[in-house]
PDB file of N, CA and C in Angstrom:
ATOM      1  N   MET A   1       4.043  -2.380  23.445  1.00  0.00           N
ATOM      2  CA  MET A   1       3.671  -3.155  22.027  1.00  0.00           C
ATOM      3  C   MET A   1       3.137  -1.965  21.237  1.00  0.00           C
ATOM      4  N   ILE A   2       2.334  -0.802  21.627  1.00  0.00           N
ATOM      5  CA  ILE A   2       1.939   0.258  20.949  1.00  0.00           C
ATOM      6  C   ILE A   2       3.009   0.999  20.195  1.00  0.00           C
ATOM      7  N   ALA A   3       3.985   1.112  20.994  1.00  0.00           N
ATOM      8  CA  ALA A   3       5.279   1.927  20.542  1.00  0.00           C
ATOM      9  C   ALA A   3       5.935   1.203  19.410  1.00  0.00           C
ATOM     10  N   VAL A   4       5.965  -0.316  19.505  1.00  0.00           N
ATOM     11  CA  VAL A   4       6.562  -0.986  18.460  1.00  0.00           C
ATOM     12  C   VAL A   4       5.722  -0.934  17.139  1.00  0.00           C
ATOM     13  N   GLY A   5       4.539  -1.163  17.451  1.00  0.00           N
ATOM     14  CA  GLY A   5       3.325  -0.829  16.260  1.00  0.00           C
ATOM     15  C   GLY A   5       3.616   0.466  15.645  1.00  0.00           C
ATOM     16  N   TYR A   6       3.589   1.456  16.366  1.00  0.00           N
ATOM     17  CA  TYR A   6       3.953   2.948  15.722  1.00  0.00           C
ATOM     18  C   TYR A   6       5.171   2.935  15.151  1.00  0.00           C
ATOM     19  N   ILE A   7       6.134   2.365  15.449  1.00  0.00           N
ATOM     20  CA  ILE A   7       7.560   2.633  14.884  1.00  0.00           C
ATOM     21  C   ILE A   7       7.370   1.740  13.344  1.00  0.00           C
ATOM     22  N   VAL A   8       6.828   0.586  13.489  1.00  0.00           N
ATOM     23  CA  VAL A   8       6.732  -0.207  12.205  1.00  0.00           C
ATOM     24  C   VAL A   8       5.751   0.506  11.247  1.00  0.00           C
ATOM     25  N   MET A   9       4.811   1.136  11.607  1.00  0.00           N
ATOM     26  CA  MET A   9       3.843   1.820  10.841  1.00  0.00           C
ATOM     27  C   MET A   9       4.525   2.845  10.146  1.00  0.00           C
ATOM     28  N   CYS A  10       5.260   3.631  10.917  1.00  0.00           N
ATOM     29  CA  CYS A  10       6.217   4.878  10.373  1.00  0.00           C
ATOM     30  C   CYS A  10       7.192   4.260   9.368  1.00  0.00           C
ATOM     31  N   LEU A  11       7.846   3.232   9.668  1.00  0.00           N
ATOM     32  CA  LEU A  11       8.852   2.789   8.713  1.00  0.00           C
ATOM     33  C   LEU A  11       8.216   2.455   7.497  1.00  0.00           C
ATOM     34  N   VAL A  12       7.061   1.627   7.677  1.00  0.00           N
ATOM     35  CA  VAL A  12       6.349   1.105   6.371  1.00  0.00           C
ATOM     36  C   VAL A  12       6.015   2.134   5.607  1.00  0.00           C
ATOM     37  N   PHE A  13       5.329   3.231   6.280  1.00  0.00           N
ATOM     38  CA  PHE A  13       4.574   4.337   5.501  1.00  0.00           C
ATOM     39  C   PHE A  13       5.751   5.292   4.927  1.00  0.00           C
ATOM     40  N   GLY A  14       6.746   5.382   5.667  1.00  0.00           N
ATOM     41  CA  GLY A  14       7.778   6.185   5.181  1.00  0.00           C
ATOM     42  C   GLY A  14       8.624   5.890   4.002  1.00  0.00           C
ATOM     43  N   THR A  15       8.737   4.462   4.015  1.00  0.00           N
ATOM     44  CA  THR A  15       9.672   3.979   2.857  1.00  0.00           C
ATOM     45  C   THR A  15       8.585   3.522   1.447  1.00  0.00           C
ATOM     46  N   THR A  16       7.657   3.810   1.744  1.00  0.00           N
ATOM     47  CA  THR A  16       6.524   3.567   0.600  1.00  0.00           C
ATOM     48  C   THR A  16       6.989   4.327  -0.540  1.00  0.00           C
ATOM     49  N   PHE A  17       7.121   5.647  -0.530  1.00  0.00           N
ATOM     50  CA  PHE A  17       7.339   6.465  -1.613  1.00  0.00           C
ATOM     51  C   PHE A  17       8.624   6.333  -2.104  1.00  0.00           C
ATOM     52  N   LEU A  18       9.653   5.971  -1.509  1.00  0.00           N
ATOM     53  CA  LEU A  18      11.008   5.622  -1.792  1.00  0.00           C
ATOM     54  C   LEU A  18      11.007   4.410  -2.678  1.00  0.00           C
ATOM     55  N   ALA A  19      10.275   3.321  -2.128  1.00  0.00           N
ATOM     56  CA  ALA A  19      10.072   2.070  -2.829  1.00  0.00           C
ATOM     57  C   ALA A  19       9.331   2.230  -4.319  1.00  0.00           C
ATOM     58  N   ILE A  20       8.443   3.040  -4.247  1.00  0.00           N
ATOM     59  CA  ILE A  20       7.609   3.419  -5.550  1.00  0.00           C
ATOM     60  C   ILE A  20       8.493   3.992  -6.568  1.00  0.00           C
ATOM     61  N   LYS A  21       9.389   4.918  -5.856  1.00  0.00           N
ATOM     62  CA  LYS A  21      10.246   5.620  -6.998  1.00  0.00           C
ATOM     63  C   LYS A  21      11.411   4.759  -7.472  1.00  0.00           C
ATOM     64  N   ILE A  22      12.037   3.838  -6.679  1.00  0.00           N
ATOM     65  CA  ILE A  22      13.048   3.093  -7.036  1.00  0.00           C
ATOM     66  C   ILE A  22      12.543   1.889  -8.042  1.00  0.00           C
ATOM     67  N   GLY A  23      11.161   1.487  -7.800  1.00  0.00           N
ATOM     68  CA  GLY A  23      10.556   0.492  -8.657  1.00  0.00           C
ATOM     69  C   GLY A  23      10.397   1.445 -10.132  1.00  0.00           C
ATOM     70  N   VAL A  24       9.858   2.511 -10.154  1.00  0.00           N
ATOM     71  CA  VAL A  24       9.634   3.161 -11.322  1.00  0.00           C
ATOM     72  C   VAL A  24      10.951   3.700 -12.030  1.00  0.00           C
ATOM     73  N   GLU A  25      11.862   3.793 -11.368  1.00  0.00           N
ATOM     74  CA  GLU A  25      13.193   4.035 -12.069  1.00  0.00           C
ATOM     75  C   GLU A  25      13.999   2.909 -12.606  1.00  0.00           C
ATOM     76  N   ALA A  26      13.370   1.807 -11.980  1.00  0.00           N
ATOM     77  CA  ALA A  26      14.239   0.685 -12.318  1.00  0.00           C
ATOM     78  C   ALA A  26      13.562   0.054 -13.731  1.00  0.00           C
ATOM     79  N   GLY A  27      12.532   0.621 -14.001  1.00  0.00           N
ATOM     80  CA  GLY A  27      11.906   0.476 -15.413  1.00  0.00           C
ATOM     81  C   GLY A  27      10.721  -0.528 -15.289  1.00  0.00           C
ATOM     82  N   LEU A  28      10.108  -0.854 -14.059  1.00  0.00           N
ATOM     83  CA  LEU A  28       9.054  -1.729 -13.796  1.00  0.00           C
ATOM     84  C   LEU A  28       7.604  -0.684 -14.087  1.00  0.00           C
ATOM     85  N   PRO A  29       6.841  -1.234 -14.783  1.00  0.00           N
ATOM     86  CA  PRO A  29       5.594  -0.549 -14.923  1.00  0.00           C
ATOM     87  C   PRO A  29       5.014  -0.385 -13.797  1.00  0.00           C
ATOM     88  N   PRO A  30       4.320   0.987 -13.438  1.00  0.00           N
ATOM     89  CA  PRO A  30       3.847   1.244 -12.139  1.00  0.00           C
ATOM     90  C   PRO A  30       2.841   0.233 -11.605  1.00  0.00           C
ATOM     91  N   PHE A  31       2.000  -0.166 -12.509  1.00  0.00           N
ATOM     92  CA  PHE A  31       0.862  -0.914 -11.932  1.00  0.00           C
ATOM     93  C   PHE A  31       1.363  -2.220 -11.591  1.00  0.00           C
ATOM     94  N   LEU A  32       2.438  -2.909 -12.324  1.00  0.00           N
ATOM     95  CA  LEU A  32       3.064  -4.105 -12.030  1.00  0.00           C
ATOM     96  C   LEU A  32       3.693  -4.090 -10.771  1.00  0.00           C
ATOM     97  N   SER A  33       4.596  -2.921 -10.639  1.00  0.00           N
ATOM     98  CA  SER A  33       5.194  -2.794  -9.257  1.00  0.00           C
ATOM     99  C   SER A  33       4.157  -2.661  -8.123  1.00  0.00           C
ATOM    100  N   ALA A  34       3.147  -2.028  -8.202  1.00  0.00           N
ATOM    101  CA  ALA A  34       2.073  -1.866  -7.239  1.00  0.00           C
ATOM    102  C   ALA A  34       1.439  -3.340  -6.925  1.00  0.00           C
ATOM    103  N   GLY A  35       1.012  -4.045  -8.002  1.00  0.00           N
ATOM    104  CA  GLY A  35       0.283  -5.296  -7.848  1.00  0.00           C
ATOM    105  C   GLY A  35       1.346  -6.304  -7.123  1.00  0.00           C
ATOM    106  N   LEU A  36       2.699  -6.250  -7.432  1.00  0.00           N
ATOM    107  CA  LEU A  36       3.494  -7.194  -6.802  1.00  0.00           C
ATOM    108  C   LEU A  36       3.893  -6.783  -5.349  1.00  0.00           C
ATOM    109  N   ARG A  37       3.897  -5.476  -4.842  1.00  0.00           N
ATOM    110  CA  ARG A  37       3.973  -5.088  -3.642  1.00  0.00           C
ATOM    111  C   ARG A  37       2.726  -5.545  -2.859  1.00  0.00           C
ATOM    112  N   PHE A  38       1.498  -5.326  -3.440  1.00  0.00           N
ATOM    113  CA  PHE A  38       0.311  -5.520  -2.521  1.00  0.00           C
ATOM    114  C   PHE A  38       0.013  -7.094  -2.402  1.00  0.00           C
ATOM    115  N   LEU A  39       0.428  -7.745  -3.350  1.00  0.00           N
ATOM    116  CA  LEU A  39       0.356  -9.200  -3.353  1.00  0.00           C
ATOM    117  C   LEU A  39       1.229  -9.816  -2.361  1.00  0.00           C
ATOM    118  N   VAL A  40       2.361  -9.366  -2.291  1.00  0.00           N
ATOM    119  CA  VAL A  40       3.382  -9.842  -1.215  1.00  0.00           C
ATOM    120  C   VAL A  40       2.773  -9.311   0.118  1.00  0.00           C
ATOM    121  N   ALA A  41       2.455  -8.005   0.340  1.00  0.00           N
ATOM    122  CA  ALA A  41       1.921  -7.601   1.573  1.00  0.00           C
ATOM    123  C   ALA A  41       0.674  -8.421   1.820  1.00  0.00           C
ATOM    124  N   GLY A  42      -0.346  -8.600   0.971  1.00  0.00           N
ATOM    125  CA  GLY A  42      -1.548  -9.344   1.259  1.00  0.00           C
ATOM    126  C   GLY A  42      -1.197 -10.793   1.748  1.00  0.00           C
ATOM    127  N   ILE A  43      -0.377 -11.311   1.029  1.00  0.00           N
ATOM    128  CA  ILE A  43      -0.094 -12.770   1.590  1.00  0.00           C
ATOM    129  C   ILE A  43       0.671 -12.809   2.901  1.00  0.00           C
ATOM    130  N   LEU A  44       1.638 -11.961   3.140  1.00  0.00           N
ATOM    131  CA  LEU A  44       2.041 -11.679   4.733  1.00  0.00           C
ATOM    132  C   LEU A  44       1.060 -11.445   5.712  1.00  0.00           C
ATOM    133  N   MET A  45       0.013 -10.615   5.172  1.00  0.00           N
ATOM    134  CA  MET A  45      -0.838 -10.112   6.253  1.00  0.00           C
ATOM    135  C   MET A  45      -1.872 -11.481   6.529  1.00  0.00           C
ATOM    136  N   TYR A  46      -2.299 -12.122   5.527  1.00  0.00           N
ATOM    137  CA  TYR A  46      -3.176 -13.090   5.591  1.00  0.00           C
ATOM    138  C   TYR A  46      -2.511 -14.419   6.316  1.00  0.00           C
ATOM    139  N   THR A  47      -1.192 -14.740   6.081  1.00  0.00           N
ATOM    140  CA  THR A  47      -0.666 -15.720   6.666  1.00  0.00           C
ATOM    141  C   THR A  47      -0.498 -15.433   8.283  1.00  0.00           C
ATOM    142  N   TRP A  48      -0.105 -14.315   8.625  1.00  0.00           N
ATOM    143  CA  TRP A  48      -0.044 -13.798  10.000  1.00  0.00           C
ATOM    144  C   TRP A  48      -1.404 -14.015  10.746  1.00  0.00           C
ATOM    145  N   MET A  49      -2.441 -13.469  10.188  1.00  0.00           N
ATOM    146  CA  MET A  49      -3.759 -13.492  10.682  1.00  0.00           C
ATOM    147  C   MET A  49      -4.206 -14.897  10.720  1.00  0.00           C
ATOM    148  N   LYS A  50      -3.972 -15.716   9.759  1.00  0.00           N
ATOM    149  CA  LYS A  50      -4.393 -17.203   9.705  1.00  0.00           C
ATOM    150  C   LYS A  50      -3.620 -17.866  10.963  1.00  0.00           C
ATOM    151  N   LEU A  51      -2.346 -17.504  11.177  1.00  0.00           N
ATOM    152  CA  LEU A  51      -1.470 -18.264  12.159  1.00  0.00           C
ATOM    153  C   LEU A  51      -2.196 -17.825  13.562  1.00  0.00           C
ATOM    154  N   ARG A  52      -2.767 -16.885  13.626  1.00  0.00           N
ATOM    155  CA  ARG A  52      -3.205 -16.214  15.011  1.00  0.00           C
ATOM    156  C   ARG A  52      -4.689 -16.614  15.108  1.00  0.00           C
ATOM    157  N   GLY A  53      -5.342 -17.286  14.096  1.00  0.00           N
ATOM    158  CA  GLY A  53      -6.717 -17.879  14.085  1.00  0.00           C
ATOM    159  C   GLY A  53      -7.812 -16.803  13.905  1.00  0.00           C
ATOM    160  N   LYS A  54      -7.484 -15.669  13.402  1.00  0.00           N
ATOM    161  CA  LYS A  54      -8.326 -14.585  13.214  1.00  0.00           C
ATOM    162  C   LYS A  54      -8.773 -14.267  11.645  1.00  0.00           C
ATOM    163  N   ALA A  55      -8.319 -15.158  10.770  1.00  0.00           N
ATOM    164  CA  ALA A  55      -8.752 -14.759   9.335  1.00  0.00           C
ATOM    165  C   ALA A  55      -9.495 -16.169   8.829  1.00  0.00           C
ATOM    166  N   GLN A  56     -10.316 -15.645   7.992  1.00  0.00           N
ATOM    167  CA  GLN A  56     -11.275 -16.734   7.339  1.00  0.00           C
ATOM    168  C   GLN A  56     -11.343 -16.426   5.931  1.00  0.00           C
ATOM    169  N   TRP A  57     -11.099 -17.285   5.119  1.00  0.00           N
ATOM    170  CA  TRP A  57     -11.242 -17.163   3.561  1.00  0.00           C
ATOM    171  C   TRP A  57     -12.472 -16.425   3.325  1.00  0.00           C
ATOM    172  N   SER A  58     -13.595 -16.755   3.660  1.00  0.00           N
ATOM    173  CA  SER A  58     -14.780 -16.166   3.435  1.00  0.00           C
ATOM    174  C   SER A  58     -14.839 -14.510   3.664  1.00  0.00           C
ATOM    175  N   LEU A  59     -14.146 -13.986   4.617  1.00  0.00           N
ATOM    176  CA  LEU A  59     -14.156 -12.697   4.931  1.00  0.00           C
ATOM    177  C   LEU A  59     -13.362 -11.778   3.606  1.00  0.00           C
ATOM    178  N   LEU A  60     -12.429 -12.368   2.931  1.00  0.00           N
ATOM    179  CA  LEU A  60     -12.026 -11.855   1.770  1.00  0.00           C
ATOM    180  C   LEU A  60     -12.917 -11.909   0.584  1.00  0.00           C
ATOM    181  N   LEU A  61     -14.067 -12.505   0.249  1.00  0.00           N
ATOM    182  CA  LEU A  61     -14.912 -12.603  -0.585  1.00  0.00           C
ATOM    183  C   LEU A  61     -16.125 -11.813  -0.449  1.00  0.00           C
ATOM    184  N   ARG A  62     -15.985 -10.941   0.702  1.00  0.00           N
ATOM    185  CA  ARG A  62     -17.407 -10.001   0.981  1.00  0.00           C
ATOM    186  C   ARG A  62     -17.356  -8.937   0.326  1.00  0.00           C
ATOM    187  N   LYS A  63     -18.536  -8.441  -0.153  1.00  0.00           N
ATOM    188  CA  LYS A  63     -18.720  -7.243  -1.101  1.00  0.00           C
ATOM    189  C   LYS A  63     -18.072  -5.949  -0.457  1.00  0.00           C
ATOM    190  N   GLU A  64     -18.116  -5.925   0.862  1.00  0.00           N
ATOM    191  CA  GLU A  64     -17.596  -4.777   1.528  1.00  0.00           C
ATOM    192  C   GLU A  64     -15.941  -4.524   1.487  1.00  0.00           C
ATOM    193  N   MET A  65     -15.517  -5.734   1.546  1.00  0.00           N
ATOM    194  CA  MET A  65     -13.772  -5.943   1.471  1.00  0.00           C
ATOM    195  C   MET A  65     -13.575  -5.529  -0.068  1.00  0.00           C
ATOM    196  N   LEU A  66     -14.115  -5.757  -0.962  1.00  0.00           N
ATOM    197  CA  LEU A  66     -14.004  -5.549  -2.363  1.00  0.00           C
ATOM    198  C   LEU A  66     -14.137  -4.128  -2.670  1.00  0.00           C
ATOM    199  N   LEU A  67     -15.182  -3.605  -2.292  1.00  0.00           N
ATOM    200  CA  LEU A  67     -15.222  -2.086  -2.455  1.00  0.00           C
ATOM    201  C   LEU A  67     -14.313  -1.165  -1.747  1.00  0.00           C
ATOM    202  N   THR A  68     -13.925  -1.587  -0.634  1.00  0.00           N
ATOM    203  CA  THR A  68     -13.023  -0.828   0.229  1.00  0.00           C
ATOM    204  C   THR A  68     -11.627  -1.000  -0.412  1.00  0.00           C
ATOM    205  N   GLY A  69     -11.146  -2.202  -0.853  1.00  0.00           N
ATOM    206  CA  GLY A  69     -10.005  -2.320  -1.632  1.00  0.00           C
ATOM    207  C   GLY A  69      -9.877  -1.488  -2.776  1.00  0.00           C
ATOM    208  N   LEU A  70     -10.924  -1.474  -3.417  1.00  0.00           N
ATOM    209  CA  LEU A  70     -11.078  -0.861  -4.946  1.00  0.00           C
ATOM    210  C   LEU A  70     -10.938   0.575  -4.668  1.00  0.00           C
ATOM    211  N   GLY A  71     -11.734   0.978  -3.730  1.00  0.00           N
ATOM    212  CA  GLY A  71     -11.893   2.578  -3.273  1.00  0.00           C
ATOM    213  C   GLY A  71     -10.701   3.187  -2.717  1.00  0.00           C
ATOM    214  N   LEU A  72     -10.187   2.572  -1.542  1.00  0.00           N
ATOM    215  CA  LEU A  72      -9.192   3.194  -0.813  1.00  0.00           C
ATOM    216  C   LEU A  72      -7.745   2.658  -1.074  1.00  0.00           C
ATOM    217  N   THR A  73      -7.623   1.514  -1.630  1.00  0.00           N
ATOM    218  CA  THR A  73      -6.342   1.014  -1.774  1.00  0.00           C
ATOM    219  C   THR A  73      -6.097   1.156  -3.275  1.00  0.00           C
ATOM    220  N   PHE A  74      -6.771   0.571  -4.233  1.00  0.00           N
ATOM    221  CA  PHE A  74      -6.560   0.779  -5.756  1.00  0.00           C
ATOM    222  C   PHE A  74      -6.542   2.134  -6.245  1.00  0.00           C
ATOM    223  N   GLY A  75      -7.687   3.021  -5.827  1.00  0.00           N
ATOM    224  CA  GLY A  75      -7.882   4.190  -6.254  1.00  0.00           C
ATOM    225  C   GLY A  75      -6.622   5.043  -5.858  1.00  0.00           C
ATOM    226  N   THR A  76      -6.204   5.054  -4.691  1.00  0.00           N
ATOM    227  CA  THR A  76      -5.397   5.777  -4.247  1.00  0.00           C
ATOM    228  C   THR A  76      -3.842   5.422  -4.645  1.00  0.00           C
ATOM    229  N   PHE A  77      -3.534   4.225  -4.728  1.00  0.00           N
ATOM    230  CA  PHE A  77      -2.106   3.999  -4.871  1.00  0.00           C
ATOM    231  C   PHE A  77      -1.966   3.874  -6.324  1.00  0.00           C
ATOM    232  N   ALA A  78      -3.039   3.579  -7.231  1.00  0.00           N
ATOM    233  CA  ALA A  78      -2.787   3.560  -8.614  1.00  0.00           C
ATOM    234  C   ALA A  78      -2.602   4.874  -9.138  1.00  0.00           C
ATOM    235  N   ALA A  79      -3.149   5.849  -8.610  1.00  0.00           N
ATOM    236  CA  ALA A  79      -2.851   7.430  -9.057  1.00  0.00           C
ATOM    237  C   ALA A  79      -1.365   7.747  -8.394  1.00  0.00           C
ATOM    238  N   LEU A  80      -1.102   7.321  -7.240  1.00  0.00           N
ATOM    239  CA  LEU A  80       0.221   7.581  -6.596  1.00  0.00           C
ATOM    240  C   LEU A  80       1.436   6.909  -7.502  1.00  0.00           C
ATOM    241  N   TYR A  81       1.263   5.453  -7.738  1.00  0.00           N
ATOM    242  CA  TYR A  81       2.158   5.033  -8.544  1.00  0.00           C
ATOM    243  C   TYR A  81       2.274   5.692  -9.973  1.00  0.00           C
ATOM    244  N   TRP A  82       1.317   5.836 -10.550  1.00  0.00           N
ATOM    245  CA  TRP A  82       1.265   6.330 -11.970  1.00  0.00           C
ATOM    246  C   TRP A  82       1.916   7.823 -11.914  1.00  0.00           C
ATOM    247  N   ALA A  83       1.484   8.719 -10.823  1.00  0.00           N
ATOM    248  CA  ALA A  83       2.213  10.062 -10.900  1.00  0.00           C
ATOM    249  C   ALA A  83       3.708  10.037 -10.412  1.00  0.00           C
ATOM    250  N   GLU A  84       4.266   9.090  -9.713  1.00  0.00           N
ATOM    251  CA  GLU A  84       5.806   9.122  -9.343  1.00  0.00           C
ATOM    252  C   GLU A  84       6.478   8.786 -10.566  1.00  0.00           C
ATOM    253  N   GLN A  85       6.086   8.625 -11.778  1.00  0.00           N
ATOM    254  CA  GLN A  85       6.738   8.669 -12.868  1.00  0.00           C
ATOM    255  C   GLN A  85       7.204   9.958 -13.241  1.00  0.00           C
ATOM    256  N   TYR A  86       6.407  11.004 -12.827  1.00  0.00           N
ATOM    257  CA  TYR A  86       6.785  12.623 -13.224  1.00  0.00           C
ATOM    258  C   TYR A  86       7.181  13.389 -12.192  1.00  0.00           C
ATOM    259  N   VAL A  87       6.807  12.971 -10.812  1.00  0.00           N
ATOM    260  CA  VAL A  87       7.268  13.793  -9.566  1.00  0.00           C
ATOM    261  C   VAL A  87       8.122  13.074  -8.727  1.00  0.00           C
ATOM    262  N   SER A  88       8.751  13.887  -7.906  1.00  0.00           N
ATOM    263  CA  SER A  88       9.875  13.337  -7.064  1.00  0.00           C
ATOM    264  C   SER A  88       9.042  12.549  -5.863  1.00  0.00           C
ATOM    265  N   SER A  89       9.714  11.542  -5.228  1.00  0.00           N
ATOM    266  CA  SER A  89       8.965  10.849  -4.090  1.00  0.00           C
ATOM    267  C   SER A  89       8.439  11.828  -2.944  1.00  0.00           C
ATOM    268  N   GLY A  90       9.355  12.735  -2.687  1.00  0.00           N
ATOM    269  CA  GLY A  90       9.006  13.813  -1.581  1.00  0.00           C
ATOM    270  C   GLY A  90       7.787  14.541  -1.841  1.00  0.00           C
ATOM    271  N   ILE A  91       7.619  14.814  -3.145  1.00  0.00           N
ATOM    272  CA  ILE A  91       6.193  15.603  -3.588  1.00  0.00           C
ATOM    273  C   ILE A  91       5.193  14.745  -3.401  1.00  0.00           C
ATOM    274  N   GLY A  92       5.327  13.383  -3.980  1.00  0.00           N
ATOM    275  CA  GLY A  92       4.284  12.339  -3.659  1.00  0.00           C
ATOM    276  C   GLY A  92       3.937  12.115  -2.362  1.00  0.00           C
ATOM    277  N   ALA A  93       4.935  12.104  -1.477  1.00  0.00           N
ATOM    278  CA  ALA A  93       4.445  11.948  -0.281  1.00  0.00           C
ATOM    279  C   ALA A  93       3.839  13.080   0.670  1.00  0.00           C
ATOM    280  N   ILE A  94       4.293  14.252   0.374  1.00  0.00           N
ATOM    281  CA  ILE A  94       3.770  15.291   0.584  1.00  0.00           C
ATOM    282  C   ILE A  94       2.090  15.539   0.388  1.00  0.00           C
ATOM    283  N   LEU A  95       2.062  15.171  -1.058  1.00  0.00           N
ATOM    284  CA  LEU A  95       0.612  15.070  -1.514  1.00  0.00           C
ATOM    285  C   LEU A  95      -0.247  14.055  -0.951  1.00  0.00           C
ATOM    286  N   SER A  96       0.416  13.073  -0.879  1.00  0.00           N
ATOM    287  CA  SER A  96      -0.413  11.759  -0.144  1.00  0.00           C
ATOM    288  C   SER A  96      -1.031  12.269   1.170  1.00  0.00           C
ATOM    289  N   ALA A  97       0.152  12.726   1.838  1.00  0.00           N
ATOM    290  CA  ALA A  97      -0.109  12.881   3.239  1.00  0.00           C
ATOM    291  C   ALA A  97      -1.317  14.060   3.673  1.00  0.00           C
ATOM    292  N   THR A  98      -1.090  15.035   2.829  1.00  0.00           N
ATOM    293  CA  THR A  98      -1.900  16.190   2.779  1.00  0.00           C
ATOM    294  C   THR A  98      -3.300  15.938   2.270  1.00  0.00           C
ATOM    295  N   GLY A  99      -3.586  14.970   1.351  1.00  0.00           N
ATOM    296  CA  GLY A  99      -4.812  14.573   0.734  1.00  0.00           C
ATOM    297  C   GLY A  99      -5.887  14.571   1.537  1.00  0.00           C
ATOM    298  N   PRO A 100      -6.047  13.852   2.699  1.00  0.00           N
ATOM    299  CA  PRO A 100      -7.172  14.028   3.623  1.00  0.00           C
ATOM    300  C   PRO A 100      -7.718  15.446   4.146  1.00  0.00           C
ATOM    301  N   LEU A 101      -6.779  16.285   4.053  1.00  0.00           N
ATOM    302  CA  LEU A 101      -7.021  17.827   4.454  1.00  0.00           C
ATOM    303  C   LEU A 101      -7.443  18.510   3.259  1.00  0.00           C
ATOM    304  N   MET A 102      -7.598  17.962   2.303  1.00  0.00           N
ATOM    305  CA  MET A 102      -8.093  18.561   0.967  1.00  0.00           C
ATOM    306  C   MET A 102      -9.488  18.189   1.023  1.00  0.00           C
TER     307      MET A 102
END
């Protein structure tokens, strides 16, 4: 099960930058593209966790969740989606992956 999770994580992370570039080149505004992507992902994740009985709506309304989402997800991906208008997806992937080292 761990190997399957690792493979899925690599596929999702690896295709992120390509999906961003395809969306930007198709003419979608970067933040609209990001918003749609994260809305779909959030609905899928919430549905999966709700089916397993591990999600509660009240958890989504906590201050910690809001701050974490704004700081880690919105801040990082807003800059990445905006920047991929001007750089290749490969450069975006390298900069994103090496960011924690900086």
